[in-house]
Amino acid sequence: MSANFPSPHGPPVFTADFSSEDQWVAGRSWAYPDGGPTNPGDDKLDHLTPDPAYSRSGVFRATRMPQGTWYTGLLTTEGSPGDFMVRTGDILQTRVRLPREVGAWPAIWTWLDGGSEIDVFEYHPDNPDLLELSNHVNGGEHYYRHKAIRPGAWVDFEVHLGARSVVWYVNGTRAFADRTGVGRQWQAHLIVNLSVCAGRYHPPPEPATRSMSYEVTRLLVYRP
């Protein structure tokens, strides 16, 4: 399936190239305490790694470590030479393949200076037909359920980052409008990552699970 969104927005101002060290920093983010590599307070078993095999191909991976934490892939525009930030009015499009393994926690989100978080999506395979769509800036969240959402499925997202309302489209269908928006002066860096659940809110991986992954094949930002 290909993305079915119209593109009346002109050329994108940002086209993700996950292999680019000018666009993306791998394996650290100030969204994690002290920049990482771990974040147990957020119920994560992550141990962030800059190893390009975990993120730079657009396949975000996690592998179990002997001590129980997991090497995980994360990319952020924060601290990169390009220092790209989305801002009020931008439209983000992306296409992802959801993970299959229980305990996987993929997300595309935004972050700046301890806040400014908009979740393009979060997903947990223990809730196989549900996407979490959230505005942590001014409040607003929605659990979007659909039969097309399932482990291993390809999903297209388009998110309009409006001052008064953030609007999510999933597979071309309007899924949620928060009616709170991000305000007029909002801006934030992008984060793409795969976390691993520690078990407080969602089940951790099964003991036999040694690795997991999800894929992002397209991430564009338009600025009308």
N, C-alpha and C. Protein backbone atom coordinates (compact mmCIF):
# COMPACT_ATOMS: atom_id res chain seq x y z
N MET A 1 0.85 -1.19 0.00
CA MET A 1 0.00 0.00 0.00
C MET A 1 0.88 1.24 0.00
N SER A 2 0.56 2.21 -0.78
CA SER A 2 1.31 3.47 -0.80
C SER A 2 0.52 4.53 -0.07
N ALA A 3 1.22 5.56 0.38
CA ALA A 3 0.55 6.65 1.08
C ALA A 3 -0.47 7.29 0.14
N ASN A 4 -1.67 7.56 0.65
CA ASN A 4 -2.74 8.05 -0.20
C ASN A 4 -3.13 9.49 0.12
N PHE A 5 -2.23 10.25 0.74
CA PHE A 5 -2.52 11.63 1.04
C PHE A 5 -2.25 12.50 -0.19
N PRO A 6 -3.11 13.47 -0.45
CA PRO A 6 -2.74 14.47 -1.44
C PRO A 6 -1.60 15.33 -0.91
N SER A 7 -0.88 15.97 -1.80
CA SER A 7 0.25 16.80 -1.37
C SER A 7 0.11 18.19 -1.97
N PRO A 8 -0.84 18.98 -1.48
CA PRO A 8 -1.03 20.33 -2.00
C PRO A 8 -0.16 21.35 -1.30
N HIS A 9 0.88 20.88 -0.61
CA HIS A 9 1.61 21.73 0.32
C HIS A 9 2.87 22.33 -0.28
N GLY A 10 3.14 22.08 -1.58
CA GLY A 10 4.40 22.48 -2.14
C GLY A 10 5.49 21.49 -1.75
N PRO A 11 6.73 21.76 -2.10
CA PRO A 11 7.81 20.83 -1.77
C PRO A 11 8.02 20.76 -0.26
N PRO A 12 8.44 19.61 0.26
CA PRO A 12 8.69 19.51 1.70
C PRO A 12 9.88 20.36 2.12
N VAL A 13 9.83 20.85 3.35
CA VAL A 13 10.97 21.57 3.92
C VAL A 13 11.93 20.60 4.60
N PHE A 14 11.47 19.36 4.80
CA PHE A 14 12.33 18.35 5.42
C PHE A 14 11.94 16.99 4.87
N THR A 15 12.92 16.28 4.34
CA THR A 15 12.75 14.91 3.88
C THR A 15 13.76 14.06 4.64
N ALA A 16 13.27 13.16 5.46
CA ALA A 16 14.16 12.41 6.34
C ALA A 16 15.09 11.49 5.54
N ASP A 17 16.36 11.60 5.84
CA ASP A 17 17.38 10.66 5.38
C ASP A 17 18.05 10.15 6.65
N PHE A 18 17.61 9.00 7.11
CA PHE A 18 18.06 8.52 8.41
C PHE A 18 19.55 8.21 8.44
N SER A 19 20.16 8.04 7.30
CA SER A 19 21.61 7.79 7.26
C SER A 19 22.42 9.08 7.41
N SER A 20 21.75 10.23 7.33
CA SER A 20 22.46 11.52 7.32
C SER A 20 22.83 11.96 8.73
N GLU A 21 24.13 12.14 8.97
CA GLU A 21 24.58 12.68 10.26
C GLU A 21 24.39 14.18 10.34
N ASP A 22 24.10 14.83 9.22
CA ASP A 22 23.74 16.25 9.27
C ASP A 22 22.31 16.42 9.79
N GLN A 23 21.43 15.50 9.45
CA GLN A 23 20.03 15.59 9.89
C GLN A 23 19.80 15.01 11.28
N TRP A 24 20.45 13.88 11.58
CA TRP A 24 20.07 13.08 12.74
C TRP A 24 21.26 12.74 13.63
N VAL A 25 21.03 12.77 14.92
CA VAL A 25 21.95 12.24 15.93
C VAL A 25 21.40 10.90 16.41
N ALA A 26 22.26 9.92 16.56
CA ALA A 26 21.84 8.57 16.96
C ALA A 26 22.24 8.29 18.40
N GLY A 27 21.32 7.70 19.15
CA GLY A 27 21.65 7.10 20.44
C GLY A 27 21.72 8.04 21.62
N ARG A 28 21.20 9.26 21.51
CA ARG A 28 21.12 10.12 22.68
C ARG A 28 20.05 11.18 22.48
N SER A 29 19.42 11.60 23.57
CA SER A 29 18.42 12.65 23.52
C SER A 29 18.20 13.18 24.92
N TRP A 30 18.02 14.50 25.05
CA TRP A 30 17.73 15.10 26.35
C TRP A 30 16.30 14.83 26.79
N ALA A 31 15.53 14.12 25.97
CA ALA A 31 14.25 13.59 26.45
C ALA A 31 14.45 12.44 27.43
N TYR A 32 15.67 11.91 27.49
CA TYR A 32 16.07 10.90 28.47
C TYR A 32 16.91 11.59 29.54
N PRO A 33 16.87 11.12 30.79
CA PRO A 33 17.68 11.75 31.83
C PRO A 33 19.16 11.81 31.44
N ASP A 34 19.75 12.99 31.56
CA ASP A 34 21.16 13.21 31.23
C ASP A 34 21.50 12.84 29.81
N GLY A 35 20.50 12.85 28.93
CA GLY A 35 20.73 12.52 27.53
C GLY A 35 20.73 11.03 27.23
N GLY A 36 20.52 10.20 28.24
CA GLY A 36 20.53 8.75 28.08
C GLY A 36 21.78 8.16 28.68
N PRO A 37 21.98 6.84 28.55
CA PRO A 37 21.29 5.97 27.60
C PRO A 37 20.04 5.28 28.15
N THR A 38 19.73 5.43 29.45
CA THR A 38 18.61 4.69 30.01
C THR A 38 17.52 5.64 30.51
N ASN A 39 16.32 5.09 30.69
CA ASN A 39 15.21 5.88 31.19
C ASN A 39 14.22 4.98 31.94
N PRO A 40 14.66 4.36 33.03
CA PRO A 40 13.76 3.44 33.76
C PRO A 40 12.57 4.15 34.38
N GLY A 41 12.69 5.44 34.69
CA GLY A 41 11.58 6.17 35.28
C GLY A 41 10.38 6.28 34.37
N ASP A 42 10.58 6.11 33.07
CA ASP A 42 9.49 6.13 32.10
C ASP A 42 9.09 4.72 31.70
N ASP A 43 9.43 3.75 32.56
CA ASP A 43 9.05 2.34 32.33
C ASP A 43 9.67 1.78 31.06
N LYS A 44 10.94 2.15 30.81
CA LYS A 44 11.62 1.70 29.61
C LYS A 44 12.83 0.85 29.98
N LEU A 45 13.03 -0.23 29.22
CA LEU A 45 14.22 -1.06 29.36
C LEU A 45 15.33 -0.63 28.41
N ASP A 46 15.18 0.54 27.81
CA ASP A 46 16.11 1.02 26.78
C ASP A 46 17.53 1.20 27.30
N HIS A 47 18.48 0.86 26.46
CA HIS A 47 19.87 1.30 26.58
C HIS A 47 20.23 1.83 25.20
N LEU A 48 20.12 3.15 25.01
CA LEU A 48 20.32 3.74 23.69
C LEU A 48 21.72 3.44 23.15
N THR A 49 21.76 3.15 21.86
CA THR A 49 23.05 2.88 21.23
C THR A 49 23.18 3.71 19.95
N PRO A 50 24.36 4.28 19.70
CA PRO A 50 24.59 4.98 18.42
C PRO A 50 24.90 4.05 17.26
N ASP A 51 24.98 2.75 17.50
CA ASP A 51 25.28 1.78 16.45
C ASP A 51 24.31 1.99 15.29
N PRO A 52 24.82 2.30 14.09
CA PRO A 52 23.92 2.59 12.97
C PRO A 52 23.00 1.44 12.59
N ALA A 53 23.37 0.22 12.96
CA ALA A 53 22.52 -0.93 12.62
C ALA A 53 21.17 -0.88 13.33
N TYR A 54 21.07 -0.04 14.36
CA TYR A 54 19.83 0.02 15.14
C TYR A 54 18.87 1.12 14.66
N SER A 55 19.29 1.95 13.69
CA SER A 55 18.41 3.05 13.30
C SER A 55 18.67 3.63 11.93
N ARG A 56 19.89 3.61 11.45
CA ARG A 56 20.26 4.44 10.30
C ARG A 56 19.67 3.95 8.97
N SER A 57 19.17 2.72 8.92
CA SER A 57 18.53 2.23 7.69
C SER A 57 17.05 2.58 7.64
N GLY A 58 16.51 3.15 8.72
CA GLY A 58 15.08 3.34 8.83
C GLY A 58 14.38 2.18 9.49
N VAL A 59 15.11 1.10 9.74
CA VAL A 59 14.60 -0.01 10.56
C VAL A 59 15.14 0.21 11.97
N PHE A 60 14.23 0.44 12.90
CA PHE A 60 14.61 0.72 14.28
C PHE A 60 14.52 -0.57 15.07
N ARG A 61 15.66 -0.95 15.67
CA ARG A 61 15.80 -2.28 16.25
C ARG A 61 16.02 -2.21 17.76
N ALA A 62 15.76 -3.33 18.40
CA ALA A 62 16.10 -3.52 19.81
C ALA A 62 16.54 -4.96 19.99
N THR A 63 17.61 -5.16 20.79
CA THR A 63 18.08 -6.51 21.08
C THR A 63 18.36 -6.63 22.57
N ARG A 64 18.03 -7.78 23.11
CA ARG A 64 18.16 -8.02 24.54
C ARG A 64 19.62 -8.10 24.96
N MET A 65 19.94 -7.47 26.09
CA MET A 65 21.27 -7.54 26.69
C MET A 65 21.24 -8.54 27.85
N PRO A 66 22.39 -9.11 28.23
CA PRO A 66 22.39 -10.13 29.29
C PRO A 66 21.83 -9.64 30.61
N GLN A 67 22.01 -8.36 30.95
CA GLN A 67 21.56 -7.85 32.24
C GLN A 67 20.08 -7.48 32.27
N GLY A 68 19.38 -7.68 31.15
CA GLY A 68 17.94 -7.45 31.15
C GLY A 68 17.49 -6.19 30.46
N THR A 69 18.39 -5.23 30.26
CA THR A 69 18.04 -4.07 29.45
C THR A 69 18.21 -4.43 27.97
N TRP A 70 17.82 -3.49 27.10
CA TRP A 70 17.85 -3.75 25.67
C TRP A 70 18.59 -2.62 24.95
N TYR A 71 19.51 -2.98 24.06
CA TYR A 71 20.03 -1.99 23.13
C TYR A 71 18.88 -1.54 22.24
N THR A 72 18.69 -0.22 22.09
CA THR A 72 17.58 0.30 21.31
C THR A 72 18.04 1.43 20.40
N GLY A 73 17.33 1.57 19.28
CA GLY A 73 17.65 2.60 18.30
C GLY A 73 16.81 3.85 18.48
N LEU A 74 17.47 5.00 18.45
CA LEU A 74 16.80 6.30 18.52
C LEU A 74 17.55 7.28 17.64
N LEU A 75 16.80 8.06 16.87
CA LEU A 75 17.35 9.18 16.12
C LEU A 75 16.61 10.45 16.49
N THR A 76 17.35 11.55 16.57
CA THR A 76 16.73 12.85 16.84
C THR A 76 17.43 13.93 16.03
N THR A 77 16.67 14.94 15.65
CA THR A 77 17.28 16.10 14.99
C THR A 77 17.93 17.03 16.02
N GLU A 78 17.66 16.82 17.28
CA GLU A 78 18.23 17.62 18.37
C GLU A 78 19.75 17.45 18.41
N GLY A 79 20.48 18.56 18.35
CA GLY A 79 21.93 18.51 18.42
C GLY A 79 22.61 18.19 17.11
N SER A 80 21.85 17.98 16.05
CA SER A 80 22.45 17.70 14.74
C SER A 80 22.91 18.99 14.08
N PRO A 81 23.83 18.93 13.11
CA PRO A 81 24.23 20.14 12.42
C PRO A 81 23.05 20.88 11.77
N GLY A 82 22.09 20.13 11.24
CA GLY A 82 20.93 20.76 10.62
C GLY A 82 19.96 21.36 11.61
N ASP A 83 19.89 20.77 12.81
CA ASP A 83 19.07 21.28 13.91
C ASP A 83 17.62 21.55 13.48
N PHE A 84 17.06 20.64 12.68
CA PHE A 84 15.70 20.89 12.16
C PHE A 84 14.68 20.80 13.28
N MET A 85 13.71 21.73 13.25
CA MET A 85 12.57 21.68 14.17
C MET A 85 11.28 21.88 13.40
N VAL A 86 10.27 21.09 13.76
CA VAL A 86 8.92 21.37 13.28
C VAL A 86 8.38 22.56 14.05
N ARG A 87 7.40 23.25 13.46
CA ARG A 87 6.85 24.43 14.12
C ARG A 87 5.36 24.54 13.81
N THR A 88 4.72 25.46 14.47
CA THR A 88 3.28 25.67 14.29
C THR A 88 2.93 25.82 12.82
N GLY A 89 1.92 25.09 12.39
CA GLY A 89 1.45 25.15 11.01
C GLY A 89 2.02 24.08 10.12
N ASP A 90 3.07 23.37 10.54
CA ASP A 90 3.67 22.33 9.72
C ASP A 90 2.74 21.13 9.58
N ILE A 91 2.95 20.38 8.51
CA ILE A 91 2.24 19.13 8.26
C ILE A 91 3.28 18.03 8.11
N LEU A 92 3.15 17.01 8.93
CA LEU A 92 4.10 15.89 8.92
C LEU A 92 3.42 14.67 8.32
N GLN A 93 4.09 14.02 7.39
CA GLN A 93 3.63 12.76 6.82
C GLN A 93 4.67 11.68 7.07
N THR A 94 4.19 10.49 7.40
CA THR A 94 5.11 9.38 7.60
C THR A 94 4.41 8.06 7.31
N ARG A 95 5.20 7.06 7.00
CA ARG A 95 4.69 5.70 6.77
C ARG A 95 5.54 4.75 7.59
N VAL A 96 4.88 3.87 8.36
CA VAL A 96 5.60 2.97 9.26
C VAL A 96 5.04 1.56 9.15
N ARG A 97 5.90 0.60 9.46
CA ARG A 97 5.48 -0.79 9.64
C ARG A 97 5.53 -1.11 11.12
N LEU A 98 4.39 -1.44 11.70
CA LEU A 98 4.31 -1.66 13.14
C LEU A 98 5.02 -2.94 13.55
N PRO A 99 5.57 -2.98 14.77
CA PRO A 99 6.24 -4.20 15.23
C PRO A 99 5.23 -5.27 15.62
N ARG A 100 5.72 -6.49 15.73
CA ARG A 100 4.88 -7.63 16.09
C ARG A 100 5.06 -8.07 17.54
N GLU A 101 6.20 -7.79 18.12
CA GLU A 101 6.56 -8.40 19.40
C GLU A 101 5.94 -7.65 20.58
N VAL A 102 5.31 -8.37 21.50
CA VAL A 102 4.85 -7.78 22.75
C VAL A 102 6.05 -7.18 23.48
N GLY A 103 5.85 -5.99 24.02
CA GLY A 103 6.94 -5.27 24.68
C GLY A 103 7.55 -4.19 23.83
N ALA A 104 7.33 -4.26 22.52
CA ALA A 104 7.83 -3.21 21.62
C ALA A 104 7.02 -1.93 21.84
N TRP A 105 7.70 -0.79 21.74
CA TRP A 105 7.06 0.51 21.98
C TRP A 105 7.62 1.53 20.98
N PRO A 106 7.14 1.48 19.73
CA PRO A 106 7.61 2.42 18.72
C PRO A 106 6.91 3.76 18.87
N ALA A 107 7.58 4.81 18.42
CA ALA A 107 6.99 6.15 18.48
C ALA A 107 7.72 7.09 17.55
N ILE A 108 6.96 8.08 17.04
CA ILE A 108 7.51 9.27 16.42
C ILE A 108 6.94 10.44 17.20
N TRP A 109 7.81 11.35 17.68
CA TRP A 109 7.36 12.38 18.61
C TRP A 109 8.27 13.59 18.52
N THR A 110 7.91 14.62 19.27
CA THR A 110 8.67 15.87 19.26
C THR A 110 9.09 16.23 20.67
N TRP A 111 10.17 17.04 20.77
CA TRP A 111 10.72 17.37 22.08
C TRP A 111 11.59 18.62 21.99
N LEU A 112 11.51 19.45 23.05
CA LEU A 112 12.39 20.62 23.15
C LEU A 112 12.39 21.09 24.60
N ASP A 113 13.58 21.18 25.20
CA ASP A 113 13.77 21.82 26.50
C ASP A 113 12.82 21.30 27.57
N GLY A 114 12.68 19.99 27.64
CA GLY A 114 11.87 19.40 28.70
C GLY A 114 10.40 19.32 28.43
N GLY A 115 9.96 19.58 27.21
CA GLY A 115 8.54 19.52 26.90
C GLY A 115 8.30 19.60 25.42
N SER A 116 7.18 20.25 25.03
CA SER A 116 6.81 20.44 23.62
C SER A 116 6.52 19.13 22.91
N GLU A 117 6.02 18.14 23.65
CA GLU A 117 5.85 16.80 23.07
C GLU A 117 4.50 16.65 22.38
N ILE A 118 4.56 16.33 21.11
CA ILE A 118 3.43 15.85 20.33
C ILE A 118 3.78 14.44 19.87
N ASP A 119 2.91 13.48 20.14
CA ASP A 119 3.14 12.10 19.70
C ASP A 119 2.42 11.88 18.39
N VAL A 120 3.18 11.80 17.30
CA VAL A 120 2.60 11.43 16.02
C VAL A 120 1.89 10.10 16.17
N PHE A 121 2.54 9.17 16.86
CA PHE A 121 1.88 7.93 17.27
C PHE A 121 2.74 7.23 18.30
N GLU A 122 2.09 6.40 19.12
CA GLU A 122 2.72 5.36 19.92
C GLU A 122 1.91 4.09 19.70
N TYR A 123 2.57 2.95 19.86
CA TYR A 123 1.89 1.67 19.61
C TYR A 123 2.45 0.61 20.54
N HIS A 124 1.54 -0.27 21.00
CA HIS A 124 1.91 -1.41 21.83
C HIS A 124 1.19 -2.64 21.29
N PRO A 125 1.92 -3.67 20.84
CA PRO A 125 1.27 -4.83 20.23
C PRO A 125 0.33 -5.60 21.16
N ASP A 126 0.41 -5.39 22.50
CA ASP A 126 -0.56 -6.05 23.37
C ASP A 126 -1.95 -5.44 23.22
N ASN A 127 -2.04 -4.22 22.64
CA ASN A 127 -3.31 -3.62 22.21
C ASN A 127 -3.26 -3.57 20.69
N PRO A 128 -3.51 -4.69 20.01
CA PRO A 128 -3.09 -4.82 18.61
C PRO A 128 -3.77 -3.89 17.63
N ASP A 129 -4.99 -3.40 17.94
CA ASP A 129 -5.71 -2.56 16.98
C ASP A 129 -5.76 -1.10 17.39
N LEU A 130 -4.87 -0.66 18.30
CA LEU A 130 -4.97 0.66 18.91
C LEU A 130 -3.70 1.48 18.69
N LEU A 131 -3.89 2.74 18.28
CA LEU A 131 -2.82 3.72 18.22
C LEU A 131 -3.06 4.79 19.27
N GLU A 132 -2.00 5.27 19.89
CA GLU A 132 -2.09 6.37 20.85
C GLU A 132 -1.63 7.65 20.18
N LEU A 133 -2.53 8.64 20.14
CA LEU A 133 -2.28 9.94 19.50
C LEU A 133 -2.41 10.99 20.58
N SER A 134 -1.34 11.78 20.85
CA SER A 134 -1.35 12.62 22.05
C SER A 134 -0.73 13.98 21.81
N ASN A 135 -1.32 14.99 22.46
CA ASN A 135 -0.78 16.34 22.55
C ASN A 135 -0.45 16.59 24.02
N HIS A 136 0.84 16.61 24.35
CA HIS A 136 1.28 16.88 25.72
C HIS A 136 1.61 18.36 25.92
N VAL A 137 1.42 19.18 24.90
CA VAL A 137 1.69 20.61 25.01
C VAL A 137 0.52 21.30 25.69
N ASN A 138 -0.67 21.15 25.11
CA ASN A 138 -1.87 21.81 25.65
C ASN A 138 -2.96 20.82 26.04
N GLY A 139 -2.64 19.53 25.99
CA GLY A 139 -3.59 18.52 26.41
C GLY A 139 -4.42 17.99 25.26
N GLY A 140 -4.72 16.72 25.35
CA GLY A 140 -5.53 16.07 24.33
C GLY A 140 -4.91 14.75 23.91
N GLU A 141 -5.70 13.68 24.01
CA GLU A 141 -5.22 12.38 23.57
C GLU A 141 -6.39 11.54 23.08
N HIS A 142 -6.06 10.56 22.25
CA HIS A 142 -7.10 9.72 21.67
C HIS A 142 -6.54 8.34 21.44
N TYR A 143 -7.32 7.33 21.81
CA TYR A 143 -7.02 5.94 21.47
C TYR A 143 -7.79 5.60 20.20
N TYR A 144 -7.08 5.50 19.11
CA TYR A 144 -7.70 5.25 17.82
C TYR A 144 -7.65 3.76 17.51
N ARG A 145 -8.83 3.17 17.34
CA ARG A 145 -8.93 1.75 17.03
C ARG A 145 -9.45 1.56 15.61
N HIS A 146 -8.86 0.59 14.92
CA HIS A 146 -9.30 0.29 13.56
C HIS A 146 -8.78 -1.10 13.20
N LYS A 147 -9.56 -1.82 12.38
CA LYS A 147 -9.16 -3.18 12.01
C LYS A 147 -7.88 -3.19 11.17
N ALA A 148 -7.55 -2.04 10.53
CA ALA A 148 -6.32 -1.98 9.74
C ALA A 148 -5.08 -1.84 10.60
N ILE A 149 -5.27 -1.53 11.89
CA ILE A 149 -4.14 -1.42 12.82
C ILE A 149 -3.91 -2.79 13.43
N ARG A 150 -2.75 -3.35 13.20
CA ARG A 150 -2.43 -4.68 13.71
C ARG A 150 -0.91 -4.87 13.66
N PRO A 151 -0.38 -5.80 14.46
CA PRO A 151 1.06 -6.05 14.41
C PRO A 151 1.51 -6.40 13.00
N GLY A 152 2.58 -5.75 12.57
CA GLY A 152 3.13 -5.98 11.24
C GLY A 152 2.50 -5.17 10.15
N ALA A 153 1.45 -4.39 10.44
CA ALA A 153 0.76 -3.62 9.40
C ALA A 153 1.55 -2.38 9.01
N TRP A 154 1.38 -1.96 7.76
CA TRP A 154 1.87 -0.67 7.30
C TRP A 154 0.80 0.37 7.56
N VAL A 155 1.19 1.52 8.10
CA VAL A 155 0.25 2.57 8.46
C VAL A 155 0.79 3.91 7.98
N ASP A 156 -0.09 4.71 7.36
CA ASP A 156 0.26 6.07 6.92
C ASP A 156 -0.34 7.08 7.88
N PHE A 157 0.46 8.07 8.23
CA PHE A 157 0.03 9.15 9.12
C PHE A 157 0.21 10.49 8.43
N GLU A 158 -0.71 11.41 8.69
CA GLU A 158 -0.51 12.82 8.38
C GLU A 158 -1.00 13.61 9.58
N VAL A 159 -0.14 14.50 10.09
CA VAL A 159 -0.46 15.26 11.30
C VAL A 159 -0.31 16.74 10.99
N HIS A 160 -1.39 17.49 11.21
CA HIS A 160 -1.42 18.94 11.01
C HIS A 160 -1.20 19.60 12.37
N LEU A 161 -0.10 20.30 12.51
CA LEU A 161 0.32 20.86 13.80
C LEU A 161 -0.20 22.29 13.94
N GLY A 162 -1.51 22.41 14.13
CA GLY A 162 -2.14 23.71 14.15
C GLY A 162 -2.03 24.43 15.48
N ALA A 163 -2.11 25.74 15.43
CA ALA A 163 -2.03 26.54 16.66
C ALA A 163 -3.20 26.24 17.59
N ARG A 164 -4.38 26.02 17.02
CA ARG A 164 -5.59 25.80 17.83
C ARG A 164 -6.04 24.36 17.86
N SER A 165 -5.53 23.53 16.95
CA SER A 165 -5.90 22.12 16.95
C SER A 165 -4.84 21.33 16.20
N VAL A 166 -4.40 20.24 16.79
CA VAL A 166 -3.57 19.26 16.09
C VAL A 166 -4.52 18.20 15.54
N VAL A 167 -4.39 17.89 14.26
CA VAL A 167 -5.30 16.96 13.60
C VAL A 167 -4.50 15.80 13.03
N TRP A 168 -4.92 14.58 13.39
CA TRP A 168 -4.27 13.36 12.94
C TRP A 168 -5.12 12.68 11.87
N TYR A 169 -4.49 12.28 10.77
CA TYR A 169 -5.11 11.41 9.78
C TYR A 169 -4.35 10.08 9.79
N VAL A 170 -5.10 8.98 9.76
CA VAL A 170 -4.51 7.65 9.75
C VAL A 170 -5.03 6.92 8.51
N ASN A 171 -4.13 6.50 7.65
CA ASN A 171 -4.51 5.84 6.39
C ASN A 171 -5.53 6.67 5.61
N GLY A 172 -5.34 7.98 5.64
CA GLY A 172 -6.17 8.88 4.86
C GLY A 172 -7.48 9.28 5.51
N THR A 173 -7.79 8.74 6.70
CA THR A 173 -9.03 9.05 7.41
C THR A 173 -8.73 9.94 8.60
N ARG A 174 -9.53 10.98 8.77
CA ARG A 174 -9.36 11.85 9.93
C ARG A 174 -9.65 11.04 11.20
N ALA A 175 -8.65 10.93 12.06
CA ALA A 175 -8.76 10.09 13.25
C ALA A 175 -9.02 10.87 14.52
N PHE A 176 -8.48 12.10 14.62
CA PHE A 176 -8.60 12.85 15.86
C PHE A 176 -8.19 14.30 15.63
N ALA A 177 -8.97 15.23 16.20
CA ALA A 177 -8.60 16.64 16.29
C ALA A 177 -8.68 17.03 17.75
N ASP A 178 -7.57 17.50 18.34
CA ASP A 178 -7.55 17.70 19.79
C ASP A 178 -8.22 19.00 20.25
N ARG A 179 -8.37 19.97 19.34
CA ARG A 179 -9.03 21.26 19.63
C ARG A 179 -8.30 22.06 20.72
N THR A 180 -7.04 21.73 20.93
CA THR A 180 -6.21 22.52 21.85
C THR A 180 -4.98 23.10 21.14
N GLY A 181 -4.43 22.36 20.19
CA GLY A 181 -3.33 22.85 19.37
C GLY A 181 -2.02 23.01 20.12
N VAL A 182 -1.08 23.65 19.45
CA VAL A 182 0.26 23.82 20.01
C VAL A 182 0.58 25.29 20.32
N GLY A 183 -0.33 26.21 20.00
CA GLY A 183 -0.04 27.63 20.19
C GLY A 183 0.74 28.21 19.02
N ARG A 184 0.88 29.51 19.01
CA ARG A 184 1.45 30.19 17.86
C ARG A 184 2.97 30.12 17.77
N GLN A 185 3.66 29.98 18.90
CA GLN A 185 5.12 30.07 18.90
C GLN A 185 5.80 28.72 19.09
N TRP A 186 5.07 27.64 19.00
CA TRP A 186 5.61 26.31 19.29
C TRP A 186 6.63 25.86 18.24
N GLN A 187 7.65 25.17 18.70
CA GLN A 187 8.58 24.47 17.82
C GLN A 187 9.24 23.36 18.62
N ALA A 188 9.74 22.35 17.94
CA ALA A 188 10.34 21.21 18.63
C ALA A 188 11.13 20.36 17.65
N HIS A 189 12.09 19.62 18.20
CA HIS A 189 12.85 18.65 17.41
C HIS A 189 12.04 17.38 17.20
N LEU A 190 12.47 16.59 16.22
CA LEU A 190 11.86 15.30 15.93
C LEU A 190 12.64 14.18 16.61
N ILE A 191 11.91 13.16 17.08
CA ILE A 191 12.51 11.93 17.59
C ILE A 191 11.79 10.75 16.95
N VAL A 192 12.56 9.78 16.48
CA VAL A 192 12.04 8.51 15.98
C VAL A 192 12.76 7.42 16.75
N ASN A 193 12.00 6.51 17.38
CA ASN A 193 12.70 5.50 18.18
C ASN A 193 11.85 4.28 18.41
N LEU A 194 12.51 3.24 18.88
CA LEU A 194 11.86 2.02 19.37
C LEU A 194 12.29 1.81 20.80
N SER A 195 11.34 1.93 21.73
CA SER A 195 11.59 1.62 23.13
C SER A 195 11.11 0.21 23.44
N VAL A 196 11.45 -0.24 24.67
CA VAL A 196 11.03 -1.56 25.15
C VAL A 196 10.37 -1.38 26.50
N CYS A 197 9.17 -1.92 26.65
CA CYS A 197 8.38 -1.74 27.88
C CYS A 197 8.97 -2.55 29.03
N ALA A 198 8.98 -1.95 30.22
CA ALA A 198 9.50 -2.62 31.42
C ALA A 198 8.41 -3.37 32.19
N GLY A 199 7.13 -3.12 31.88
CA GLY A 199 6.07 -3.92 32.49
C GLY A 199 5.12 -3.20 33.41
N ARG A 200 5.37 -1.93 33.69
CA ARG A 200 4.47 -1.21 34.60
C ARG A 200 3.13 -0.91 33.94
N TYR A 201 3.16 -0.48 32.68
CA TYR A 201 1.94 -0.10 31.97
C TYR A 201 1.57 -1.08 30.86
N HIS A 202 2.57 -1.70 30.27
CA HIS A 202 2.35 -2.69 29.22
C HIS A 202 3.30 -3.85 29.48
N PRO A 203 2.94 -5.05 29.02
CA PRO A 203 3.79 -6.21 29.31
C PRO A 203 5.19 -6.06 28.74
N PRO A 204 6.18 -6.57 29.45
CA PRO A 204 7.53 -6.60 28.88
C PRO A 204 7.63 -7.70 27.83
N PRO A 205 8.73 -7.78 27.12
CA PRO A 205 8.89 -8.85 26.13
C PRO A 205 8.83 -10.24 26.77
N GLU A 206 8.35 -11.20 26.00
CA GLU A 206 8.39 -12.60 26.43
C GLU A 206 9.85 -13.02 26.62
N PRO A 207 10.11 -13.94 27.57
CA PRO A 207 11.50 -14.36 27.82
C PRO A 207 12.23 -14.87 26.58
N ALA A 208 11.49 -15.47 25.66
CA ALA A 208 12.13 -16.03 24.47
C ALA A 208 12.43 -14.99 23.40
N THR A 209 11.87 -13.79 23.56
CA THR A 209 12.09 -12.74 22.56
C THR A 209 13.48 -12.15 22.73
N ARG A 210 14.25 -12.18 21.68
CA ARG A 210 15.62 -11.68 21.72
C ARG A 210 15.79 -10.38 20.95
N SER A 211 14.88 -10.10 20.01
CA SER A 211 15.01 -8.90 19.19
C SER A 211 13.64 -8.47 18.71
N MET A 212 13.55 -7.21 18.28
CA MET A 212 12.31 -6.67 17.73
C MET A 212 12.67 -5.49 16.85
N SER A 213 11.72 -5.08 16.00
CA SER A 213 11.99 -3.96 15.10
C SER A 213 10.69 -3.37 14.58
N TYR A 214 10.80 -2.12 14.12
CA TYR A 214 9.76 -1.53 13.28
C TYR A 214 10.45 -0.66 12.24
N GLU A 215 9.71 -0.29 11.20
CA GLU A 215 10.33 0.37 10.06
C GLU A 215 9.63 1.68 9.74
N VAL A 216 10.41 2.68 9.35
CA VAL A 216 9.89 3.97 8.89
C VAL A 216 10.46 4.19 7.49
N THR A 217 9.59 4.22 6.49
CA THR A 217 10.06 4.34 5.11
C THR A 217 9.88 5.74 4.54
N ARG A 218 9.17 6.60 5.26
CA ARG A 218 8.88 7.92 4.71
C ARG A 218 8.60 8.86 5.87
N LEU A 219 9.27 10.01 5.88
CA LEU A 219 8.97 11.04 6.87
C LEU A 219 9.26 12.38 6.22
N LEU A 220 8.21 13.14 5.97
CA LEU A 220 8.29 14.43 5.31
C LEU A 220 7.62 15.49 6.15
N VAL A 221 8.13 16.72 6.08
CA VAL A 221 7.50 17.84 6.73
C VAL A 221 7.25 18.92 5.68
N TYR A 222 6.00 19.39 5.63
CA TYR A 222 5.60 20.47 4.73
C TYR A 222 5.32 21.72 5.56
N ARG A 223 5.57 22.86 4.95
CA ARG A 223 5.36 24.14 5.63
C ARG A 223 4.54 25.04 4.70
N PRO A 224 3.19 24.95 4.81
CA PRO A 224 2.33 25.70 3.89
C PRO A 224 2.56 27.21 3.99
